[in-house]
Amino acid sequence: MKKKKAKLKLKKQAYYILAGFVAIIVMIILGINFYNDYKYKQTNEYKLTEKGYSLEESKLINSKLSDENINTLLNEEKNEHITNLLNQKYFLEKNLDSYLTYIEEEAEEEIDYTDVVAIVNVHADNKWYAIELETDTSLKERMNVNKFYALSSDYTPENLVNIPLDYSYGSEGDNKLIDYAYEKFLDLWQAANDAGYYLMVTSSYRNYADQEEIYEYRKSTLGERKADETAARPGHSEHQTGLVVDMTSKTEPDAESFSESEAYKWLKENAYQYGWIERYPEDKTYLTGYSPESWHWRYVGIEAATVMHEENITYDEYYAFYIES
């Protein structure tokens, strides 16, 4: 009898020990879950979901924005534009406030977020020439010159070489290019010639004074607004870089109709392979500030030209995302 009682007592003790052990484990698990839940509620991801963003949106915001910008979002009502902007390939966080300002002040009812990002990235949310940035000439063929980036009045490219009259109109020495751009022009010219097109340069390097004369003449005869539509202001002309040729072909010499030519179509498809790009393409005036110029071609190097061709972007967009950023 005593032995039986002793066994029962041992069983009870074992049961209590086991129950206590289980209780401790349950408490530990509950404690861990409580702690993890507490910690998660301190995260930006959770706080963003509390603001009305979906879990997927919260993860996107966390992956794209700094803590500073996330904290700004957490202190405001949910912004319906944020994730649409973040999903754009060329989104730049430094421009977030400018994107939102542009949408608020300029965007139409149907917002094209791709255009918003592109316009702000290239500074085209400003009026043309409203800001003046210094061109970084150390970038060589990747320098940017447009209606915001300017060259100094005394900038002259080094190692300019004459384009022979075999490839250019005018008199000997009228047309010049930087030597390395000229070498690639010859490669382009030969490839075009092999395809049956004889390219001819109509204009190339112009110094600051030359551009100033052209611009001031048009301004005096057409007025400033029209002059700005048809010519760059001095310092803002790509021709001053020594990296540009205006060209047509022997069979289609007229610049204004060159866009209808077979030579132009060939250039559109092949020039990038030799580092040359159409600088002011059709339907991109809102980004470049210039009407289409099928005759204006710029040397940027094969790598940059290939990216632009594959992604169908202007040099302004390329520069903003791949260099300036």
Protein backbone atom coordinates (compact mmCIF):
# COMPACT_ATOMS: atom_id res chain seq x y z
CA MET A 1 0.00 0.00 0.00
CA LYS A 2 2.80 2.37 0.95
CA LYS A 3 4.58 1.53 -2.25
CA LYS A 4 1.48 2.32 -4.25
CA LYS A 5 1.11 5.69 -2.58
CA ALA A 6 4.75 6.47 -3.19
CA LYS A 7 4.35 5.68 -6.91
CA LEU A 8 1.30 7.91 -7.13
CA LYS A 9 3.18 10.68 -5.41
CA LEU A 10 6.06 10.34 -7.85
CA LYS A 11 3.64 10.41 -10.78
CA LYS A 12 2.05 13.58 -9.43
CA GLN A 13 5.42 15.18 -8.97
CA ALA A 14 6.43 14.22 -12.50
CA TYR A 15 3.14 15.58 -13.80
CA TYR A 16 3.65 18.87 -11.96
CA ILE A 17 7.21 19.13 -13.22
CA LEU A 18 6.12 18.40 -16.77
CA ALA A 19 3.24 20.84 -16.51
CA GLY A 20 5.57 23.48 -15.11
CA PHE A 21 8.04 22.84 -17.87
CA VAL A 22 5.30 23.12 -20.50
CA ALA A 23 4.04 26.30 -18.87
CA ILE A 24 7.53 27.79 -18.95
CA ILE A 25 7.89 26.89 -22.65
CA VAL A 26 4.48 28.40 -23.42
CA MET A 27 5.40 31.54 -21.51
CA ILE A 28 8.70 31.77 -23.33
CA ILE A 29 6.96 31.37 -26.72
CA LEU A 30 4.32 33.91 -25.79
CA GLY A 31 7.03 36.22 -24.54
CA ILE A 32 9.02 35.87 -27.74
CA ASN A 33 5.90 36.44 -29.84
CA PHE A 34 4.96 39.45 -27.72
CA TYR A 35 8.48 40.83 -28.02
CA ASN A 36 8.60 40.21 -31.77
CA ASP A 37 5.19 41.81 -32.15
CA TYR A 38 6.36 44.77 -30.07
CA LYS A 39 9.53 45.11 -32.13
CA TYR A 40 7.64 44.81 -35.44
CA LYS A 41 5.29 47.57 -34.39
CA GLN A 42 8.34 49.80 -34.02
CA THR A 43 9.38 49.22 -37.64
CA ASN A 44 8.71 51.58 -40.51
CA GLU A 45 7.01 48.74 -42.38
CA TYR A 46 4.32 48.40 -39.70
CA LYS A 47 3.95 52.15 -39.25
CA LEU A 48 3.46 52.57 -42.99
CA THR A 49 0.72 49.91 -43.04
CA GLU A 50 -0.95 51.83 -40.21
CA LYS A 51 -0.89 54.87 -42.51
CA GLY A 52 -2.83 52.92 -45.11
CA TYR A 53 -0.07 51.58 -47.31
CA SER A 54 -0.33 47.91 -48.24
CA LEU A 55 2.33 45.52 -47.03
CA GLU A 56 3.74 45.36 -50.56
CA GLU A 57 3.80 49.16 -50.78
CA SER A 58 5.48 49.39 -47.38
CA LYS A 59 8.21 46.97 -48.44
CA LEU A 60 8.78 48.99 -51.64
CA ILE A 61 9.03 52.25 -49.72
CA ASN A 62 11.48 50.71 -47.26
CA SER A 63 13.66 49.42 -50.09
CA LYS A 64 13.74 52.71 -51.99
CA LEU A 65 13.70 55.53 -49.46
CA SER A 66 15.96 56.69 -46.65
CA ASP A 67 14.74 56.80 -43.04
CA GLU A 68 14.54 60.58 -43.33
CA ASN A 69 12.08 60.46 -46.21
CA ILE A 70 10.12 57.62 -44.61
CA ASN A 71 9.76 59.64 -41.42
CA THR A 72 8.39 62.50 -43.50
CA LEU A 73 5.79 60.15 -44.99
CA LEU A 74 4.84 58.90 -41.54
CA ASN A 75 4.08 62.45 -40.44
CA GLU A 76 1.68 63.00 -43.34
CA GLU A 77 -1.46 61.44 -44.75
CA LYS A 78 -0.98 58.55 -47.16
CA ASN A 79 0.39 59.89 -50.47
CA GLU A 80 -1.17 58.14 -53.46
CA HIS A 81 1.71 59.13 -55.76
CA ILE A 82 4.63 57.65 -53.81
CA THR A 83 4.55 54.04 -54.95
CA ASN A 84 3.81 55.03 -58.56
CA LEU A 85 6.95 57.16 -58.49
CA LEU A 86 9.04 54.49 -56.80
CA ASN A 87 8.12 51.99 -59.49
CA GLN A 88 9.66 54.18 -62.21
CA LYS A 89 12.96 52.88 -63.55
CA TYR A 90 14.69 56.26 -63.44
CA PHE A 91 13.39 57.34 -60.02
CA LEU A 92 15.97 59.33 -58.03
CA GLU A 93 15.34 59.73 -54.33
CA LYS A 94 17.02 63.14 -54.24
CA ASN A 95 14.25 64.42 -56.51
CA LEU A 96 11.29 63.06 -54.52
CA ASP A 97 10.11 66.43 -53.25
CA SER A 98 10.46 67.93 -56.73
CA TYR A 99 8.40 65.10 -58.26
CA LEU A 100 5.62 65.71 -55.78
CA THR A 101 5.76 69.47 -56.26
CA TYR A 102 5.61 69.07 -60.02
CA ILE A 103 2.61 66.73 -59.76
CA GLU A 104 0.83 69.17 -57.49
CA GLU A 105 1.51 72.24 -59.64
CA GLU A 106 1.84 71.02 -63.22
CA ALA A 107 0.56 67.52 -63.82
CA GLU A 108 -2.67 66.88 -65.69
CA GLU A 109 -5.57 64.87 -64.32
CA GLU A 110 -4.13 61.75 -65.97
CA ILE A 111 -0.63 61.65 -64.51
CA ASP A 112 2.15 60.08 -66.57
CA TYR A 113 4.63 59.20 -63.84
CA THR A 114 7.31 58.26 -66.38
CA ASP A 115 7.16 61.79 -67.79
CA VAL A 116 7.10 63.36 -64.32
CA VAL A 117 10.31 61.56 -63.36
CA ALA A 118 12.01 62.35 -66.68
CA ILE A 119 11.05 66.04 -66.64
CA VAL A 120 12.26 66.61 -63.09
CA ASN A 121 15.43 64.56 -63.54
CA VAL A 122 16.57 66.71 -66.48
CA HIS A 123 15.57 69.96 -64.69
CA ALA A 124 12.85 70.66 -67.26
CA ASP A 125 10.42 71.45 -64.44
CA ASN A 126 12.21 74.81 -64.60
CA LYS A 127 11.85 77.31 -67.42
CA TRP A 128 14.55 76.95 -70.06
CA TYR A 129 17.71 78.84 -69.03
CA ALA A 130 16.13 79.63 -65.63
CA ILE A 131 19.04 77.91 -63.90
CA GLU A 132 22.63 77.72 -65.12
CA LEU A 133 24.80 74.77 -64.17
CA GLU A 134 28.47 74.45 -65.03
CA THR A 135 29.33 71.78 -67.59
CA ASP A 136 31.85 69.27 -66.28
CA THR A 137 34.31 69.22 -69.17
CA SER A 138 36.45 66.58 -67.42
CA LEU A 139 33.79 64.09 -68.50
CA LYS A 140 34.97 64.60 -72.11
CA GLU A 141 32.52 62.93 -74.51
CA ARG A 142 30.06 62.46 -71.64
CA MET A 143 29.86 66.16 -70.75
CA ASN A 144 26.41 67.70 -70.85
CA VAL A 145 25.62 70.97 -72.59
CA ASN A 146 21.98 72.06 -72.89
CA LYS A 147 19.64 74.86 -71.82
CA PHE A 148 20.74 74.43 -68.21
CA TYR A 149 24.35 73.24 -68.46
CA ALA A 150 26.75 75.79 -69.94
CA LEU A 151 30.36 76.04 -71.10
CA SER A 152 32.47 79.07 -70.24
CA SER A 153 33.14 81.68 -72.89
CA ASP A 154 36.82 80.70 -73.06
CA TYR A 155 36.30 76.94 -73.37
CA THR A 156 37.99 75.50 -76.44
CA PRO A 157 38.30 71.74 -77.00
CA GLU A 158 41.81 70.35 -77.25
CA ASN A 159 43.04 68.45 -80.28
CA LEU A 160 40.54 69.72 -82.83
CA VAL A 161 41.13 68.28 -86.28
CA ASN A 162 39.79 69.37 -89.64
CA ILE A 163 37.08 67.35 -91.33
CA PRO A 164 38.27 66.96 -94.96
CA LEU A 165 36.10 68.22 -97.80
CA ASP A 166 35.51 64.60 -98.78
CA TYR A 167 33.08 64.52 -95.86
CA SER A 168 32.07 68.16 -95.38
CA TYR A 169 30.73 71.20 -97.18
CA GLY A 170 32.36 74.64 -97.12
CA SER A 171 36.02 75.49 -97.30
CA GLU A 172 38.98 73.55 -95.96
CA GLY A 173 39.15 74.00 -92.18
CA ASP A 174 35.55 75.19 -91.79
CA ASN A 175 34.52 72.01 -89.97
CA LYS A 176 36.33 70.47 -87.02
CA LEU A 177 35.93 67.75 -84.39
CA ILE A 178 37.91 66.58 -81.38
CA ASP A 179 40.35 63.96 -82.65
CA TYR A 180 38.78 60.93 -80.92
CA ALA A 181 35.28 61.95 -82.07
CA TYR A 182 36.64 62.41 -85.59
CA GLU A 183 38.04 58.87 -85.59
CA LYS A 184 34.62 57.49 -84.67
CA PHE A 185 32.99 59.73 -87.25
CA LEU A 186 35.16 58.11 -89.91
CA ASP A 187 34.03 54.67 -88.69
CA LEU A 188 30.41 55.81 -88.88
CA TRP A 189 30.92 57.40 -92.29
CA GLN A 190 32.51 54.25 -93.72
CA ALA A 191 29.76 52.00 -92.38
CA ALA A 192 27.13 54.32 -93.87
CA ASN A 193 29.00 54.42 -97.16
CA ASP A 194 29.18 50.61 -97.24
CA ALA A 195 25.39 50.62 -96.78
CA GLY A 196 25.00 53.00 -99.72
CA TYR A 197 24.79 56.40 -97.99
CA TYR A 198 27.28 59.22 -98.51
CA LEU A 199 27.13 61.41 -95.39
CA MET A 200 28.17 65.07 -95.55
CA VAL A 201 28.84 67.43 -92.62
CA THR A 202 27.18 70.83 -92.93
CA SER A 203 28.35 72.27 -89.59
CA SER A 204 30.43 71.16 -86.61
CA TYR A 205 32.58 72.98 -84.05
CA ARG A 206 31.61 76.57 -83.27
CA ASN A 207 33.30 78.67 -80.59
CA TYR A 208 31.47 80.85 -78.08
CA ALA A 209 31.79 83.99 -80.18
CA ASP A 210 30.41 82.27 -83.29
CA GLN A 211 27.38 81.04 -81.36
CA GLU A 212 26.87 84.45 -79.78
CA GLU A 213 26.78 86.04 -83.23
CA ILE A 214 24.23 83.51 -84.49
CA TYR A 215 22.02 83.88 -81.43
CA GLU A 216 22.13 87.68 -81.30
CA TYR A 217 21.26 87.92 -84.99
CA ARG A 218 18.21 85.73 -84.56
CA LYS A 219 17.23 87.55 -81.40
CA SER A 220 17.41 90.93 -83.17
CA THR A 221 15.44 89.73 -86.19
CA LEU A 222 13.01 87.24 -84.62
CA GLY A 223 12.79 88.26 -80.98
CA GLU A 224 14.09 86.39 -77.94
CA ARG A 225 11.32 83.79 -77.75
CA LYS A 226 11.71 82.71 -81.37
CA ALA A 227 15.50 82.90 -81.17
CA ASP A 228 15.43 80.50 -78.21
CA GLU A 229 13.36 78.07 -80.24
CA THR A 230 15.82 77.97 -83.14
CA ALA A 231 19.28 78.54 -81.65
CA ALA A 232 21.16 77.91 -78.43
CA ARG A 233 22.34 80.80 -76.35
CA PRO A 234 26.14 81.22 -76.27
CA GLY A 235 27.74 78.73 -73.89
CA HIS A 236 24.72 76.44 -74.19
CA SER A 237 25.48 75.13 -77.68
CA GLU A 238 26.75 71.58 -78.06
CA HIS A 239 28.69 72.71 -81.09
CA GLN A 240 31.18 74.36 -78.72
CA THR A 241 32.12 70.92 -77.36
CA GLY A 242 33.73 69.79 -80.63
CA LEU A 243 31.69 66.57 -80.32
CA VAL A 244 28.87 67.45 -82.72
CA VAL A 245 28.21 67.34 -86.43
CA ASP A 246 25.20 68.56 -88.32
CA MET A 247 25.03 66.24 -91.31
CA THR A 248 22.85 65.15 -94.16
CA SER A 249 23.85 63.15 -97.23
CA LYS A 250 24.81 63.87 -100.81
CA THR A 251 21.52 62.49 -102.08
CA GLU A 252 19.42 64.21 -99.34
CA PRO A 253 21.28 67.47 -98.64
CA ASP A 254 18.35 69.46 -97.25
CA ALA A 255 18.38 69.43 -93.45
CA GLU A 256 14.68 70.11 -93.04
CA SER A 257 13.68 67.07 -95.09
CA PHE A 258 16.54 64.80 -93.97
CA SER A 259 14.22 63.03 -91.49
CA GLU A 260 12.39 61.51 -94.47
CA SER A 261 15.54 60.08 -96.02
CA GLU A 262 16.82 56.52 -96.04
CA ALA A 263 20.19 57.76 -94.78
CA TYR A 264 18.50 59.14 -91.65
CA LYS A 265 16.68 55.85 -91.07
CA TRP A 266 20.01 54.04 -91.33
CA LEU A 267 21.59 56.41 -88.81
CA LYS A 268 18.70 55.88 -86.37
CA GLU A 269 19.33 52.15 -86.41
CA ASN A 270 23.11 52.04 -86.57
CA ALA A 271 24.85 55.22 -85.37
CA TYR A 272 24.92 54.09 -81.71
CA GLN A 273 27.29 51.26 -82.64
CA TYR A 274 29.93 53.91 -83.34
CA GLY A 275 29.12 56.09 -80.30
CA TRP A 276 26.89 58.62 -82.07
CA ILE A 277 23.37 59.65 -81.03
CA GLU A 278 20.55 61.74 -82.41
CA ARG A 279 20.64 64.51 -79.82
CA TYR A 280 17.18 66.03 -80.35
CA PRO A 281 14.82 63.23 -81.40
CA GLU A 282 11.18 63.56 -82.28
CA ASP A 283 8.62 63.83 -79.45
CA LYS A 284 11.28 64.74 -76.88
CA THR A 285 11.17 68.54 -77.09
CA TYR A 286 9.72 68.73 -73.58
CA LEU A 287 12.95 67.15 -72.30
CA THR A 288 15.58 68.64 -74.63
CA GLY A 289 14.12 72.10 -75.23
CA TYR A 290 14.67 71.72 -78.97
CA SER A 291 12.43 70.78 -81.84
CA PRO A 292 13.51 67.58 -83.63
CA GLU A 293 16.81 67.96 -85.49
CA SER A 294 17.41 64.87 -87.60
CA TRP A 295 20.69 66.37 -88.78
CA HIS A 296 22.24 67.03 -85.34
CA TRP A 297 24.39 64.10 -84.14
CA ARG A 298 26.55 63.97 -81.02
CA TYR A 299 29.42 61.68 -80.05
CA VAL A 300 28.97 60.25 -76.53
CA GLY A 301 30.92 57.00 -76.76
CA ILE A 302 29.73 53.50 -77.63
CA GLU A 303 28.77 52.49 -74.08
CA ALA A 304 26.48 55.47 -73.45
CA ALA A 305 25.06 55.41 -76.97
CA THR A 306 24.20 51.72 -76.64
CA VAL A 307 22.36 52.25 -73.34
CA MET A 308 20.41 55.14 -74.85
CA HIS A 309 19.50 53.10 -77.92
CA GLU A 310 18.38 50.07 -75.91
CA GLU A 311 16.41 52.12 -73.37
CA ASN A 312 15.10 54.69 -75.87
CA ILE A 313 16.10 57.71 -73.78
CA THR A 314 17.63 61.09 -74.58
CA TYR A 315 21.11 62.09 -73.52
CA ASP A 316 19.57 64.43 -70.95
CA GLU A 317 17.84 61.45 -69.32
CA TYR A 318 20.96 59.31 -69.54
CA TYR A 319 23.09 62.03 -67.97
CA ALA A 320 20.63 62.67 -65.13
CA PHE A 321 20.34 59.02 -64.12
CA TYR A 322 23.70 57.48 -64.95
CA ILE A 323 26.07 60.39 -64.36
CA GLU A 324 24.56 63.33 -62.47
CA SER A 325 22.80 61.16 -59.89
